[in-house]
Amino acid sequence: MFFLSFFLSFFFLFLLFLFFLFFPFFFLFFFFFFFFSFLLFVFFFILFLFFFLSFLFLFYFFFFLFLLFFSLFLVFFCSFSFFLLFFLFFFFFFFSLFSFSFFLFSIIRFPHTNRFPITRMKQNRRLFSVILSLSLFRLRFLSIPLSLLRERGLL
C-alpha cells in the first residue's frame, strides 16, 4: 500500500499538471484528488516507519514531517508553479528510495554479533526471509492466508 499510494500521488500530480496547463477550471478538482492521495501516501509511510523501522530512525520520521510541512507550505503559497511540481516529484521519488534503503539496512545482520543491528526480532533466518518477502511483494503476500505460512513452517 505504501508504493500504491506513492504511484497514486504521481498519477494525480501528472493529471494536475496536464489539466492545469490546458483546462484551468479543473484545477481545484484535481488538486483535491492529488491532496488526498498525498495524505494516503503520508499515512502509509508513517505506518511503514512504525512497523519496520526502529526508534533509532525516528530522526528520519521528523525529517520527513519537516519536508511534508515545507511542501504543504509551498503548495498553499506558491500556487503550483513549475518549481513546486518538480519539487514534489523529487520529494516523492528520492524519499521513497531512502525509506526503502533504510528498511533494508534495518534488517541486515552484523556478522560479528549475529544480531539485527536495529530491529529487535528473533534471530531466525526463515523469519528474515518472510520479512523481506513482505517488503518486496507486500500486495501479493497479503492474499496468502497465515495458516498456510504456519503449515510450511515460515511463522
Protein backbone atom coordinates (compact mmCIF):
# COMPACT_ATOMS: atom_id res chain seq x y z
CA MET A 1 0.00 0.00 0.00
CA PHE A 2 3.00 2.28 0.56
CA PHE A 3 4.04 2.06 -3.08
CA LEU A 4 0.44 2.11 -4.30
CA SER A 5 -0.17 5.44 -2.60
CA PHE A 6 3.19 6.63 -3.88
CA PHE A 7 2.25 5.91 -7.51
CA LEU A 8 -1.24 7.31 -7.00
CA SER A 9 0.33 10.57 -5.93
CA PHE A 10 2.42 10.61 -9.07
CA PHE A 11 -0.60 9.85 -11.20
CA PHE A 12 -2.69 12.66 -9.73
CA LEU A 13 0.24 15.02 -9.91
CA PHE A 14 0.56 14.26 -13.61
CA LEU A 15 -3.19 14.79 -14.13
CA LEU A 16 -2.97 18.01 -12.21
CA PHE A 17 -0.12 19.19 -14.39
CA LEU A 18 -1.98 18.38 -17.63
CA PHE A 19 -5.26 19.89 -16.62
CA PHE A 20 -3.66 22.96 -15.14
CA LEU A 21 -1.95 23.59 -18.46
CA PHE A 22 -4.93 23.01 -20.72
CA PHE A 23 -8.08 23.37 -18.60
CA PRO A 24 -7.56 25.78 -15.69
CA PHE A 25 -11.14 25.43 -14.45
CA PHE A 26 -10.37 21.79 -13.48
CA PHE A 27 -7.57 22.92 -11.22
CA LEU A 28 -9.34 22.67 -7.86
CA PHE A 29 -10.96 19.34 -8.64
CA PHE A 30 -7.67 17.61 -9.41
CA PHE A 31 -5.87 19.41 -6.64
CA PHE A 32 -8.15 17.70 -4.12
CA PHE A 33 -7.55 14.33 -5.74
CA PHE A 34 -3.82 14.86 -5.53
CA PHE A 35 -4.01 16.14 -1.99
CA PHE A 36 -5.98 13.10 -0.77
CA SER A 37 -3.58 10.73 -2.48
CA PHE A 38 -0.74 12.64 -0.84
CA LEU A 39 -2.38 12.16 2.55
CA LEU A 40 -2.76 8.47 1.76
CA PHE A 41 0.95 8.34 0.98
CA VAL A 42 1.77 10.05 4.28
CA PHE A 43 -0.48 7.67 6.24
CA PHE A 44 1.09 4.53 4.80
CA PHE A 45 4.56 5.98 5.13
CA ILE A 46 4.02 6.57 8.84
CA LEU A 47 2.75 3.01 9.21
CA PHE A 48 5.81 1.85 7.31
CA LEU A 49 8.09 3.72 9.71
CA PHE A 50 6.49 2.45 12.88
CA PHE A 51 6.23 -1.18 11.81
CA PHE A 52 9.54 -1.71 10.03
CA LEU A 53 12.00 0.78 11.43
CA SER A 54 13.32 1.02 14.95
CA PHE A 55 13.33 4.02 17.24
CA LEU A 56 16.82 4.96 16.07
CA PHE A 57 15.29 6.05 12.79
CA LEU A 58 12.69 8.35 14.32
CA PHE A 59 15.02 11.14 13.29
CA TYR A 60 14.08 10.41 9.70
CA PHE A 61 10.41 10.47 10.66
CA PHE A 62 10.77 14.02 12.00
CA PHE A 63 12.83 14.95 8.97
CA PHE A 64 10.00 13.63 6.79
CA LEU A 65 7.49 15.72 8.75
CA PHE A 66 9.63 18.77 8.18
CA LEU A 67 9.69 18.09 4.43
CA LEU A 68 5.97 17.44 4.47
CA PHE A 69 5.11 20.75 6.10
CA PHE A 70 7.57 22.57 3.90
CA SER A 71 5.98 21.08 0.78
CA LEU A 72 2.50 21.99 2.05
CA PHE A 73 3.74 25.50 2.65
CA LEU A 74 4.88 25.62 -0.97
CA VAL A 75 1.57 24.18 -2.15
CA PHE A 76 -0.53 26.84 -0.49
CA PHE A 77 1.74 29.85 -1.03
CA CYS A 78 3.42 29.27 -4.38
CA SER A 79 0.27 28.47 -6.42
CA PHE A 80 1.66 25.34 -8.10
CA SER A 81 4.48 26.80 -10.10
CA PHE A 82 6.78 24.58 -12.13
CA PHE A 83 9.28 24.68 -9.32
CA LEU A 84 6.70 23.23 -6.99
CA LEU A 85 5.79 20.42 -9.37
CA PHE A 86 9.41 19.40 -9.76
CA PHE A 87 10.00 19.72 -6.04
CA LEU A 88 7.10 17.37 -5.27
CA PHE A 89 8.29 14.92 -7.90
CA PHE A 90 11.80 14.68 -6.44
CA PHE A 91 10.44 14.70 -2.91
CA PHE A 92 8.28 11.60 -3.53
CA PHE A 93 10.85 9.80 -5.64
CA PHE A 94 14.00 10.21 -3.55
CA PHE A 95 12.37 9.92 -0.16
CA SER A 96 10.70 6.65 -1.14
CA LEU A 97 14.11 5.34 -2.23
CA PHE A 98 15.69 6.48 1.02
CA SER A 99 12.98 4.92 3.16
CA PHE A 100 13.32 1.58 1.36
CA SER A 101 17.11 1.64 1.76
CA PHE A 102 16.73 2.40 5.49
CA PHE A 103 14.39 -0.53 5.80
CA LEU A 104 16.88 -2.85 4.11
CA PHE A 105 19.65 -1.60 6.38
CA SER A 106 17.49 -2.19 9.44
CA ILE A 107 17.10 -5.93 8.77
CA ILE A 108 20.72 -6.78 7.82
CA ARG A 109 22.62 -8.79 10.41
CA PHE A 110 26.01 -7.80 11.76
CA PRO A 111 28.25 -10.85 11.24
CA HIS A 112 30.29 -10.47 14.43
CA THR A 113 27.20 -10.31 16.68
CA ASN A 114 24.78 -12.36 14.54
CA ARG A 115 22.03 -9.91 15.52
CA PHE A 116 19.93 -7.41 13.71
CA PRO A 117 21.58 -4.05 14.37
CA ILE A 118 18.37 -2.04 14.56
CA THR A 119 15.22 -4.12 14.73
CA ARG A 120 14.50 -6.28 17.78
CA MET A 121 13.39 -9.51 16.15
CA LYS A 122 14.00 -13.19 16.71
CA GLN A 123 17.27 -14.49 15.31
CA ASN A 124 15.67 -16.69 12.68
CA ARG A 125 16.65 -16.90 9.03
CA ARG A 126 13.19 -18.03 7.96
CA LEU A 127 11.63 -15.03 9.68
CA PHE A 128 14.15 -12.84 7.89
CA SER A 129 13.06 -14.26 4.53
CA VAL A 130 9.37 -13.72 5.38
CA ILE A 131 10.03 -10.09 6.33
CA LEU A 132 11.96 -9.50 3.13
CA SER A 133 9.18 -11.03 1.04
CA LEU A 134 6.67 -8.84 2.88
CA SER A 135 8.59 -5.73 1.95
CA LEU A 136 9.14 -6.64 -1.70
CA PHE A 137 5.86 -8.37 -2.54
CA ARG A 138 3.52 -6.91 0.05
CA LEU A 139 0.37 -6.75 -2.07
CA ARG A 140 0.80 -10.30 -3.38
CA PHE A 141 1.74 -11.59 0.04
CA LEU A 142 -1.37 -10.24 1.73
CA SER A 143 -3.54 -12.67 -0.24
CA ILE A 144 -1.77 -15.70 1.28
CA PRO A 145 -3.50 -16.92 4.45
CA LEU A 146 -1.41 -17.06 7.58
CA SER A 147 -2.40 -20.69 8.16
CA LEU A 148 -0.50 -21.69 5.01
CA LEU A 149 2.57 -19.95 6.34
CA ARG A 150 2.29 -21.77 9.67
CA GLU A 151 1.87 -25.11 7.90
CA ARG A 152 5.02 -24.52 5.89
CA GLY A 153 6.96 -23.52 8.99
CA LEU A 154 7.54 -19.93 7.97
CA LEU A 155 5.84 -18.45 11.03
